[in-house]
Amino acid sequence: MNKMPVQCVNIKLFGQLLKVNCPDELSNELKHAANYLNKRLQDLKIKTRASNTNQLVLVTALNISYELEQERIKIKEVVIRMQRMISNLQKFILIK
């Protein structure tokens, strides 16, 4: 089993510098995710005028988790619809 090369990536989240180890080929995705999180934190800070960093982080994490769960539900619904369509197509093909 080959290990992927790992690098230390500096990420700045809401003014705090973090050093994160990640596989070389995922460093851009990690930076993108950090930028997304920073934007969400900043947007919430502006929207709520909150200054408590812990509260902002927790509420942002909760919001992102909720959105992720909603997307998972949508994907499951699409999979179920696709399975029904495939089943109907298979039945149609067998009839012919």
Protein backbone atom coordinates (compact mmCIF):
# COMPACT_ATOMS: atom_id res chain seq x y z
CA MET A 1 0.00 0.00 0.00
CA ASN A 2 1.54 3.28 -1.15
CA LYS A 3 1.29 6.28 1.09
CA MET A 4 0.40 9.54 -0.59
CA PRO A 5 3.00 12.30 -0.18
CA VAL A 6 1.87 14.68 2.55
CA GLN A 7 2.65 18.33 2.94
CA CYS A 8 2.08 20.89 5.66
CA VAL A 9 -0.34 23.55 4.44
CA ASN A 10 -0.79 26.88 6.19
CA ILE A 11 -4.45 27.81 6.44
CA LYS A 12 -5.77 31.02 7.93
CA LEU A 13 -9.24 30.65 9.43
CA PHE A 14 -10.93 33.71 10.85
CA GLY A 15 -7.57 35.30 11.61
CA GLN A 16 -5.94 32.22 13.12
CA LEU A 17 -3.11 30.41 11.37
CA LEU A 18 -3.40 26.64 11.29
CA LYS A 19 -0.83 24.18 10.00
CA VAL A 20 -2.61 21.20 8.48
CA ASN A 21 -1.06 18.06 7.04
CA CYS A 22 -2.77 16.88 3.89
CA PRO A 23 -1.94 14.86 0.78
CA ASP A 24 -0.17 16.94 -1.87
CA GLU A 25 -2.93 16.51 -4.43
CA LEU A 26 -5.59 17.75 -1.98
CA SER A 27 -3.92 20.96 -0.86
CA ASN A 28 -5.84 23.12 -3.35
CA GLU A 29 -9.15 21.62 -2.23
CA LEU A 30 -8.20 22.25 1.41
CA LYS A 31 -7.40 25.89 0.65
CA HIS A 32 -10.68 26.23 -1.24
CA ALA A 33 -12.58 24.77 1.72
CA ALA A 34 -10.81 27.17 4.09
CA ASN A 35 -11.71 30.12 1.86
CA TYR A 36 -15.33 28.97 1.77
CA LEU A 37 -15.43 28.64 5.56
CA ASN A 38 -13.84 32.07 6.00
CA LYS A 39 -16.46 33.61 3.74
CA ARG A 40 -19.29 31.91 5.60
CA LEU A 41 -17.88 33.06 8.96
CA GLN A 42 -17.45 36.63 7.72
CA ASP A 43 -20.95 36.69 6.21
CA LEU A 44 -22.48 35.50 9.48
CA LYS A 45 -20.46 38.01 11.47
CA ILE A 46 -21.73 40.84 9.29
CA LYS A 47 -25.31 39.53 9.25
CA THR A 48 -25.58 39.01 13.01
CA ARG A 49 -23.10 41.64 14.20
CA ALA A 50 -21.87 38.96 16.60
CA SER A 51 -18.35 39.26 17.96
CA ASN A 52 -18.13 35.95 19.85
CA THR A 53 -15.84 33.88 17.64
CA ASN A 54 -16.84 30.56 19.23
CA GLN A 55 -20.51 31.27 18.65
CA LEU A 56 -19.86 32.29 15.04
CA VAL A 57 -17.86 29.11 14.41
CA LEU A 58 -20.50 26.87 16.00
CA VAL A 59 -23.43 28.47 14.19
CA THR A 60 -21.55 28.37 10.88
CA ALA A 61 -20.69 24.69 11.44
CA LEU A 62 -24.33 23.97 12.24
CA ASN A 63 -25.51 25.81 9.12
CA ILE A 64 -23.06 23.97 6.87
CA SER A 65 -23.97 20.62 8.48
CA TYR A 66 -27.66 21.31 7.91
CA GLU A 67 -27.05 22.22 4.27
CA LEU A 68 -24.94 19.07 3.79
CA GLU A 69 -27.69 16.91 5.27
CA GLN A 70 -30.26 18.53 2.96
CA GLU A 71 -28.04 17.72 -0.03
CA ARG A 72 -27.68 14.12 1.15
CA ILE A 73 -31.46 13.83 1.32
CA LYS A 74 -31.77 15.21 -2.22
CA ILE A 75 -29.17 12.76 -3.51
CA LYS A 76 -30.99 9.83 -1.90
CA GLU A 77 -34.23 10.97 -3.54
CA VAL A 78 -32.51 11.21 -6.93
CA VAL A 79 -31.02 7.73 -6.49
CA ILE A 80 -34.45 6.30 -5.65
CA ARG A 81 -36.00 8.00 -8.72
CA MET A 82 -33.19 6.72 -10.95
CA GLN A 83 -33.61 3.18 -9.60
CA ARG A 84 -37.33 3.33 -10.38
CA MET A 85 -36.64 4.62 -13.86
CA ILE A 86 -34.08 1.87 -14.49
CA SER A 87 -36.51 -0.73 -13.20
CA ASN A 88 -39.27 0.61 -15.46
CA LEU A 89 -36.91 0.61 -18.45
CA GLN A 90 -35.85 -2.96 -17.72
CA LYS A 91 -39.49 -4.03 -17.53
CA PHE A 92 -40.19 -2.23 -20.80
CA ILE A 93 -37.26 -3.90 -22.51
CA LEU A 94 -38.37 -7.34 -21.30
CA ILE A 95 -41.88 -6.76 -22.66
CA LYS A 96 -40.53 -6.00 -26.12
